């Protein structure tokens, strides 16, 4: 194998899958400063409902949406003026505060990079957030490509995402492996595209071959097919 495609959230970094469990005091303050009387709880509930409406549309055909679209729709529903881009920036900054990079990730990627081209392939609503997090973690230069659903226009498991990643690395499906923690997006999708997939599934909840199940990204080096 000459290339490894990594999911980002839940694979290379830990995060809270909830979009509203993080604290968002600056976002709420933005609303209040622009005329909103929403309580903090009502603000979170309204934002969550707005995200859910966009997700429901994406679930139909895997079309991706941007955080800017959500921010614009939410502010409009809340009858709040102000700079949509600024609200988006505040939200992404506060959500990103819950992202953590595991110890030892950079040495792992550095070793894997000796024999493989590496790419991040992530579902995300922002073109800037994942690249900024990679820079902040000091690992951006270890990747040959960063492929984001918001830029492709489709989210995993749409085949266009994997095709874009393979093209960015200049490899065929048979020359790549995919590593991630979501069955549909990171195992079934790549598998259907002809890419050998490894699923992070420490609780063994998914119906995948044992040899293609790992406990964490750090198990990659122990797999002969990757390290050999």
C-alpha atoms as a PDB file:
ATOM      1  CA  UNK A   1       0.000   0.000   0.000  1.00  0.00           C
ATOM      2  CA  UNK A   2       1.388   3.391  -0.939  1.00  0.00           C
ATOM      3  CA  UNK A   3      -1.203   5.706   0.630  1.00  0.00           C
ATOM      4  CA  UNK A   4      -3.164   5.959   3.867  1.00  0.00           C
ATOM      5  CA  UNK A   5      -6.357   8.021   4.026  1.00  0.00           C
ATOM      6  CA  UNK A   6      -7.364   9.059   7.529  1.00  0.00           C
ATOM      7  CA  UNK A   7     -10.677  10.203   8.846  1.00  0.00           C
ATOM      8  CA  UNK A   8     -10.024  13.126  11.204  1.00  0.00           C
ATOM      9  CA  UNK A   9     -12.586  13.471  14.001  1.00  0.00           C
ATOM     10  CA  UNK A  10     -12.638  10.403  16.217  1.00  0.00           C
ATOM     11  CA  UNK A  11      -9.667   8.904  14.372  1.00  0.00           C
ATOM     12  CA  UNK A  12      -6.734  11.301  14.578  1.00  0.00           C
ATOM     13  CA  UNK A  13      -8.270  13.499  17.283  1.00  0.00           C
ATOM     14  CA  UNK A  14     -10.877  13.065  19.982  1.00  0.00           C
ATOM     15  CA  UNK A  15     -13.910  15.341  20.092  1.00  0.00           C
ATOM     16  CA  UNK A  16     -17.481  15.625  21.310  1.00  0.00           C
ATOM     17  CA  UNK A  17     -19.877  14.499  18.537  1.00  0.00           C
ATOM     18  CA  UNK A  18     -22.533  16.828  19.959  1.00  0.00           C
ATOM     19  CA  UNK A  19     -22.661  20.220  18.321  1.00  0.00           C
ATOM     20  CA  UNK A  20     -24.014  21.910  21.422  1.00  0.00           C
ATOM     21  CA  UNK A  21     -22.437  20.178  24.442  1.00  0.00           C
ATOM     22  CA  UNK A  22     -19.449  22.513  24.329  1.00  0.00           C
ATOM     23  CA  UNK A  23     -19.750  25.843  26.098  1.00  0.00           C
ATOM     24  CA  UNK A  24     -20.678  28.685  23.751  1.00  0.00           C
ATOM     25  CA  UNK A  25     -20.683  31.836  25.886  1.00  0.00           C
ATOM     26  CA  UNK A  26     -19.229  34.023  23.153  1.00  0.00           C
ATOM     27  CA  UNK A  27     -21.839  32.885  20.632  1.00  0.00           C
ATOM     28  CA  UNK A  28     -24.621  33.587  23.090  1.00  0.00           C
ATOM     29  CA  UNK A  29     -23.114  36.964  23.921  1.00  0.00           C
ATOM     30  CA  UNK A  30     -23.034  37.748  20.195  1.00  0.00           C
ATOM     31  CA  UNK A  31     -26.780  37.077  20.009  1.00  0.00           C
ATOM     32  CA  UNK A  32     -27.518  39.249  23.025  1.00  0.00           C
ATOM     33  CA  UNK A  33     -25.385  42.078  21.656  1.00  0.00           C
ATOM     34  CA  UNK A  34     -27.402  41.953  18.449  1.00  0.00           C
ATOM     35  CA  UNK A  35     -30.806  42.145  20.030  1.00  0.00           C
ATOM     36  CA  UNK A  36     -31.696  38.552  20.913  1.00  0.00           C
ATOM     37  CA  UNK A  37     -33.564  37.785  24.139  1.00  0.00           C
ATOM     38  CA  UNK A  38     -32.964  34.028  23.850  1.00  0.00           C
ATOM     39  CA  UNK A  39     -31.836  32.331  27.015  1.00  0.00           C
ATOM     40  CA  UNK A  40     -28.672  30.262  26.783  1.00  0.00           C
ATOM     41  CA  UNK A  41     -30.710  27.052  26.827  1.00  0.00           C
ATOM     42  CA  UNK A  42     -33.069  28.263  24.108  1.00  0.00           C
ATOM     43  CA  UNK A  43     -30.092  29.369  22.033  1.00  0.00           C
ATOM     44  CA  UNK A  44     -28.556  25.874  22.203  1.00  0.00           C
ATOM     45  CA  UNK A  45     -31.865  24.181  21.440  1.00  0.00           C
ATOM     46  CA  UNK A  46     -32.485  26.444  18.474  1.00  0.00           C
ATOM     47  CA  UNK A  47     -29.008  25.939  17.059  1.00  0.00           C
ATOM     48  CA  UNK A  48     -29.262  22.174  17.491  1.00  0.00           C
ATOM     49  CA  UNK A  49     -32.622  22.150  15.693  1.00  0.00           C
ATOM     50  CA  UNK A  50     -31.163  24.213  12.862  1.00  0.00           C
ATOM     51  CA  UNK A  51     -28.288  21.760  12.431  1.00  0.00           C
ATOM     52  CA  UNK A  52     -30.746  18.865  12.537  1.00  0.00           C
ATOM     53  CA  UNK A  53     -32.776  20.336   9.669  1.00  0.00           C
ATOM     54  CA  UNK A  54     -29.659  20.597   7.501  1.00  0.00           C
ATOM     55  CA  UNK A  55     -28.568  17.079   8.473  1.00  0.00           C
ATOM     56  CA  UNK A  56     -31.967  15.705   7.468  1.00  0.00           C
ATOM     57  CA  UNK A  57     -31.488  17.085   3.969  1.00  0.00           C
ATOM     58  CA  UNK A  58     -27.947  15.711   3.742  1.00  0.00           C
ATOM     59  CA  UNK A  59     -29.126  12.295   4.869  1.00  0.00           C
ATOM     60  CA  UNK A  60     -31.168  12.050   1.671  1.00  0.00           C
ATOM     61  CA  UNK A  61     -28.297  12.226  -0.823  1.00  0.00           C
ATOM     62  CA  UNK A  62     -25.054  13.024   1.100  1.00  0.00           C
ATOM     63  CA  UNK A  63     -24.863  16.589  -0.152  1.00  0.00           C
ATOM     64  CA  UNK A  64     -22.748  18.627   2.252  1.00  0.00           C
ATOM     65  CA  UNK A  65     -23.623  22.001   3.756  1.00  0.00           C
ATOM     66  CA  UNK A  66     -21.415  24.710   5.179  1.00  0.00           C
ATOM     67  CA  UNK A  67     -21.298  26.230   8.618  1.00  0.00           C
ATOM     68  CA  UNK A  68     -21.952  29.553   6.949  1.00  0.00           C
ATOM     69  CA  UNK A  69     -25.290  28.257   5.692  1.00  0.00           C
ATOM     70  CA  UNK A  70     -26.227  27.077   9.188  1.00  0.00           C
ATOM     71  CA  UNK A  71     -25.132  30.340  10.775  1.00  0.00           C
ATOM     72  CA  UNK A  72     -27.130  32.395   8.279  1.00  0.00           C
ATOM     73  CA  UNK A  73     -30.258  30.275   8.723  1.00  0.00           C
ATOM     74  CA  UNK A  74     -30.012  30.283  12.512  1.00  0.00           C
ATOM     75  CA  UNK A  75     -29.519  34.029  12.821  1.00  0.00           C
ATOM     76  CA  UNK A  76     -32.433  34.569  10.469  1.00  0.00           C
ATOM     77  CA  UNK A  77     -34.666  32.243  12.511  1.00  0.00           C
ATOM     78  CA  UNK A  78     -33.585  33.997  15.702  1.00  0.00           C
ATOM     79  CA  UNK A  79     -34.333  37.386  14.094  1.00  0.00           C
ATOM     80  CA  UNK A  80     -30.797  38.508  14.800  1.00  0.00           C
ATOM     81  CA  UNK A  81     -28.694  40.767  12.620  1.00  0.00           C
ATOM     82  CA  UNK A  82     -24.935  41.017  12.700  1.00  0.00           C
ATOM     83  CA  UNK A  83     -22.062  39.542  10.768  1.00  0.00           C
ATOM     84  CA  UNK A  84     -22.777  35.918   9.831  1.00  0.00           C
ATOM     85  CA  UNK A  85     -19.065  35.265   9.292  1.00  0.00           C
ATOM     86  CA  UNK A  86     -18.283  36.497  12.804  1.00  0.00           C
ATOM     87  CA  UNK A  87     -20.884  34.215  14.370  1.00  0.00           C
ATOM     88  CA  UNK A  88     -19.482  31.331  12.330  1.00  0.00           C
ATOM     89  CA  UNK A  89     -15.955  32.151  13.513  1.00  0.00           C
ATOM     90  CA  UNK A  90     -17.045  32.275  17.167  1.00  0.00           C
ATOM     91  CA  UNK A  91     -18.926  28.981  16.911  1.00  0.00           C
ATOM     92  CA  UNK A  92     -16.059  27.121  15.253  1.00  0.00           C
ATOM     93  CA  UNK A  93     -13.559  28.468  17.787  1.00  0.00           C
ATOM     94  CA  UNK A  94     -15.702  27.379  20.741  1.00  0.00           C
ATOM     95  CA  UNK A  95     -16.550  23.982  19.231  1.00  0.00           C
ATOM     96  CA  UNK A  96     -12.899  23.333  18.379  1.00  0.00           C
ATOM     97  CA  UNK A  97     -11.913  23.873  21.999  1.00  0.00           C
ATOM     98  CA  UNK A  98     -13.182  20.343  22.680  1.00  0.00           C
ATOM     99  CA  UNK A  99     -10.828  18.745  20.134  1.00  0.00           C
ATOM    100  CA  UNK A 100      -7.807  16.951  21.611  1.00  0.00           C
ATOM    101  CA  UNK A 101      -4.746  15.486  19.907  1.00  0.00           C
ATOM    102  CA  UNK A 102      -3.562  12.221  21.475  1.00  0.00           C
ATOM    103  CA  UNK A 103       0.000  11.927  22.721  1.00  0.00           C
ATOM    104  CA  UNK A 104       2.221  10.141  20.250  1.00  0.00           C
ATOM    105  CA  UNK A 105       0.265  11.041  17.125  1.00  0.00           C
ATOM    106  CA  UNK A 106       3.056  13.008  15.461  1.00  0.00           C
ATOM    107  CA  UNK A 107       5.672  10.239  15.878  1.00  0.00           C
ATOM    108  CA  UNK A 108       3.163   7.709  14.500  1.00  0.00           C
ATOM    109  CA  UNK A 109       2.419   9.797  11.422  1.00  0.00           C
ATOM    110  CA  UNK A 110       6.094  10.571  10.921  1.00  0.00           C
ATOM    111  CA  UNK A 111       6.885   6.854  10.844  1.00  0.00           C
ATOM    112  CA  UNK A 112       3.996   6.007   8.544  1.00  0.00           C
ATOM    113  CA  UNK A 113       4.999   8.811   6.198  1.00  0.00           C
ATOM    114  CA  UNK A 114       8.353   7.139   5.549  1.00  0.00           C
ATOM    115  CA  UNK A 115       6.650   4.590   3.284  1.00  0.00           C
ATOM    116  CA  UNK A 116       3.235   6.081   2.514  1.00  0.00           C
ATOM    117  CA  UNK A 117       1.577   9.213   1.226  1.00  0.00           C
ATOM    118  CA  UNK A 118      -0.874  10.464   3.823  1.00  0.00           C
ATOM    119  CA  UNK A 119      -4.176  12.318   3.521  1.00  0.00           C
ATOM    120  CA  UNK A 120      -6.942  13.517   5.804  1.00  0.00           C
ATOM    121  CA  UNK A 121     -10.428  12.855   4.434  1.00  0.00           C
ATOM    122  CA  UNK A 122     -13.015  14.448   6.686  1.00  0.00           C
ATOM    123  CA  UNK A 123     -16.679  15.351   6.812  1.00  0.00           C
ATOM    124  CA  UNK A 124     -16.784  18.935   8.000  1.00  0.00           C
ATOM    125  CA  UNK A 125     -18.776  22.120   7.445  1.00  0.00           C
ATOM    126  CA  UNK A 126     -15.749  24.417   7.424  1.00  0.00           C
ATOM    127  CA  UNK A 127     -12.905  24.688   4.930  1.00  0.00           C
ATOM    128  CA  UNK A 128     -10.616  26.209   7.556  1.00  0.00           C
ATOM    129  CA  UNK A 129     -11.202  24.273  10.777  1.00  0.00           C
ATOM    130  CA  UNK A 130      -9.412  20.988  10.017  1.00  0.00           C
ATOM    131  CA  UNK A 131      -6.396  22.686   8.373  1.00  0.00           C
ATOM    132  CA  UNK A 132      -6.161  25.069  11.335  1.00  0.00           C
ATOM    133  CA  UNK A 133      -6.308  22.168  13.800  1.00  0.00           C
ATOM    134  CA  UNK A 134      -3.609  20.310  11.862  1.00  0.00           C
ATOM    135  CA  UNK A 135      -1.391  23.383  11.985  1.00  0.00           C
ATOM    136  CA  UNK A 136      -2.085  23.834  15.695  1.00  0.00           C
ATOM    137  CA  UNK A 137      -1.120  20.209  16.345  1.00  0.00           C
ATOM    138  CA  UNK A 138       2.117  20.635  14.394  1.00  0.00           C
ATOM    139  CA  UNK A 139       1.282  17.845  11.934  1.00  0.00           C
ATOM    140  CA  UNK A 140       0.010  19.699   8.856  1.00  0.00           C
ATOM    141  CA  UNK A 141       3.239  19.165   6.943  1.00  0.00           C
ATOM    142  CA  UNK A 142       2.939  15.381   7.326  1.00  0.00           C
ATOM    143  CA  UNK A 143      -0.057  15.217   4.980  1.00  0.00           C
ATOM    144  CA  UNK A 144       0.070  15.349   1.208  1.00  0.00           C
ATOM    145  CA  UNK A 145      -3.615  16.233   0.921  1.00  0.00           C
ATOM    146  CA  UNK A 146      -6.553  17.375   3.040  1.00  0.00           C
ATOM    147  CA  UNK A 147      -9.883  16.525   1.434  1.00  0.00           C
ATOM    148  CA  UNK A 148     -12.961  18.031   3.075  1.00  0.00           C
ATOM    149  CA  UNK A 149     -16.592  17.283   2.332  1.00  0.00           C
ATOM    150  CA  UNK A 150     -17.534  20.958   2.361  1.00  0.00           C
ATOM    151  CA  UNK A 151     -15.079  21.572  -0.486  1.00  0.00           C
ATOM    152  CA  UNK A 152     -16.078  18.482  -2.476  1.00  0.00           C
ATOM    153  CA  UNK A 153     -19.769  19.258  -2.040  1.00  0.00           C
ATOM    154  CA  UNK A 154     -20.551  15.726  -0.867  1.00  0.00           C
ATOM    155  CA  UNK A 155     -19.985  13.986   2.443  1.00  0.00           C
ATOM    156  CA  UNK A 156     -18.729  10.477   3.098  1.00  0.00           C
ATOM    157  CA  UNK A 157     -19.890   7.871   2.168  1.00  0.00           C
ATOM    158  CA  UNK A 158     -20.534   9.506  -1.220  1.00  0.00           C
ATOM    159  CA  UNK A 159     -18.032   8.016  -3.707  1.00  0.00           C
ATOM    160  CA  UNK A 160     -16.964  11.465  -4.924  1.00  0.00           C
ATOM    161  CA  UNK A 161     -15.134  12.081  -1.653  1.00  0.00           C
ATOM    162  CA  UNK A 162     -12.915   9.001  -1.978  1.00  0.00           C
ATOM    163  CA  UNK A 163     -12.339   9.627  -5.682  1.00  0.00           C
ATOM    164  CA  UNK A 164     -11.208  13.171  -4.890  1.00  0.00           C
ATOM    165  CA  UNK A 165      -8.797  11.915  -2.237  1.00  0.00           C
ATOM    166  CA  UNK A 166      -7.281   9.277  -4.507  1.00  0.00           C
ATOM    167  CA  UNK A 167      -6.841  11.829  -7.286  1.00  0.00           C
ATOM    168  CA  UNK A 168      -5.202  14.279  -4.887  1.00  0.00           C
ATOM    169  CA  UNK A 169      -2.614  11.661  -3.947  1.00  0.00           C
ATOM    170  CA  UNK A 170      -2.231  10.282  -7.456  1.00  0.00           C
ATOM    171  CA  UNK A 171      -2.960   6.692  -6.411  1.00  0.00           C
ATOM    172  CA  UNK A 172      -5.489   4.046  -7.323  1.00  0.00           C
ATOM    173  CA  UNK A 173      -7.996   2.540  -4.906  1.00  0.00           C
ATOM    174  CA  UNK A 174      -5.932  -0.636  -4.785  1.00  0.00           C
ATOM    175  CA  UNK A 175      -2.903   1.329  -3.616  1.00  0.00           C
ATOM    176  CA  UNK A 176      -4.640   2.907  -0.651  1.00  0.00           C
ATOM    177  CA  UNK A 177      -6.124   2.050   2.697  1.00  0.00           C
ATOM    178  CA  UNK A 178      -8.694   4.016   4.681  1.00  0.00           C
ATOM    179  CA  UNK A 179      -8.765   4.334   8.466  1.00  0.00           C
ATOM    180  CA  UNK A 180     -11.684   5.731  10.445  1.00  0.00           C
ATOM    181  CA  UNK A 181     -14.170   5.207  13.227  1.00  0.00           C
ATOM    182  CA  UNK A 182     -17.532   5.404  11.434  1.00  0.00           C
ATOM    183  CA  UNK A 183     -18.847   2.255   9.744  1.00  0.00           C
ATOM    184  CA  UNK A 184     -20.730   3.865   6.844  1.00  0.00           C
ATOM    185  CA  UNK A 185     -18.335   6.726   6.133  1.00  0.00           C
ATOM    186  CA  UNK A 186     -15.006   5.096   6.926  1.00  0.00           C
ATOM    187  CA  UNK A 187     -15.514   1.398   6.198  1.00  0.00           C
ATOM    188  CA  UNK A 188     -18.469   0.618   3.946  1.00  0.00           C
ATOM    189  CA  UNK A 189     -17.917   3.698   1.766  1.00  0.00           C
ATOM    190  CA  UNK A 190     -14.210   3.143   1.095  1.00  0.00           C
ATOM    191  CA  UNK A 191     -14.775  -0.604   0.734  1.00  0.00           C
ATOM    192  CA  UNK A 192     -17.364   0.021  -1.989  1.00  0.00           C
ATOM    193  CA  UNK A 193     -14.831   2.272  -3.723  1.00  0.00           C
ATOM    194  CA  UNK A 194     -12.262  -0.542  -3.752  1.00  0.00           C
ATOM    195  CA  UNK A 195     -10.157   0.836  -0.899  1.00  0.00           C
ATOM    196  CA  UNK A 196      -9.118  -1.534   1.889  1.00  0.00           C
ATOM    197  CA  UNK A 197     -10.655  -0.085   5.056  1.00  0.00           C
ATOM    198  CA  UNK A 198      -9.756  -0.476   8.714  1.00  0.00           C
ATOM    199  CA  UNK A 199     -12.408   0.417  11.264  1.00  0.00           C
ATOM    200  CA  UNK A 200     -11.597   1.741  14.723  1.00  0.00           C
ATOM    201  CA  UNK A 201     -14.045  -0.338  16.720  1.00  0.00           C
ATOM    202  CA  UNK A 202     -12.634  -1.276  20.142  1.00  0.00           C
ATOM    203  CA  UNK A 203     -16.021  -2.454  21.411  1.00  0.00           C
ATOM    204  CA  UNK A 204     -16.463  -4.775  18.417  1.00  0.00           C
ATOM    205  CA  UNK A 205     -19.939  -3.463  17.618  1.00  0.00           C
ATOM    206  CA  UNK A 206     -19.622  -3.473  13.823  1.00  0.00           C
ATOM    207  CA  UNK A 207     -19.864  -6.499  11.569  1.00  0.00           C
ATOM    208  CA  UNK A 208     -16.414  -6.279   9.980  1.00  0.00           C
ATOM    209  CA  UNK A 209     -13.661  -8.878   9.522  1.00  0.00           C
ATOM    210  CA  UNK A 210     -11.485  -9.176  12.610  1.00  0.00           C
ATOM    211  CA  UNK A 211      -8.339  -8.438  10.609  1.00  0.00           C
ATOM    212  CA  UNK A 212      -9.805  -5.087   9.564  1.00  0.00           C
ATOM    213  CA  UNK A 213     -10.834  -3.974  13.049  1.00  0.00           C
ATOM    214  CA  UNK A 214      -8.443  -1.950  15.214  1.00  0.00           C
ATOM    215  CA  UNK A 215      -8.692  -0.415  18.662  1.00  0.00           C
ATOM    216  CA  UNK A 216      -7.095   2.900  17.701  1.00  0.00           C
ATOM    217  CA  UNK A 217      -5.044   4.526  14.977  1.00  0.00           C
ATOM    218  CA  UNK A 218      -1.945   3.487  16.915  1.00  0.00           C
ATOM    219  CA  UNK A 219      -2.602  -0.155  15.976  1.00  0.00           C
ATOM    220  CA  UNK A 220      -1.681   0.531  12.354  1.00  0.00           C
ATOM    221  CA  UNK A 221       2.001  -0.183  12.771  1.00  0.00           C
ATOM    222  CA  UNK A 222       1.231  -3.680  14.046  1.00  0.00           C
ATOM    223  CA  UNK A 223      -0.596  -4.593  10.842  1.00  0.00           C
ATOM    224  CA  UNK A 224       1.748  -6.300   8.399  1.00  0.00           C
ATOM    225  CA  UNK A 225      -0.217  -5.111   5.403  1.00  0.00           C
ATOM    226  CA  UNK A 226       0.454  -1.505   6.395  1.00  0.00           C
ATOM    227  CA  UNK A 227       3.908  -1.654   7.850  1.00  0.00           C
ATOM    228  CA  UNK A 228       5.303  -4.186   5.422  1.00  0.00           C
END
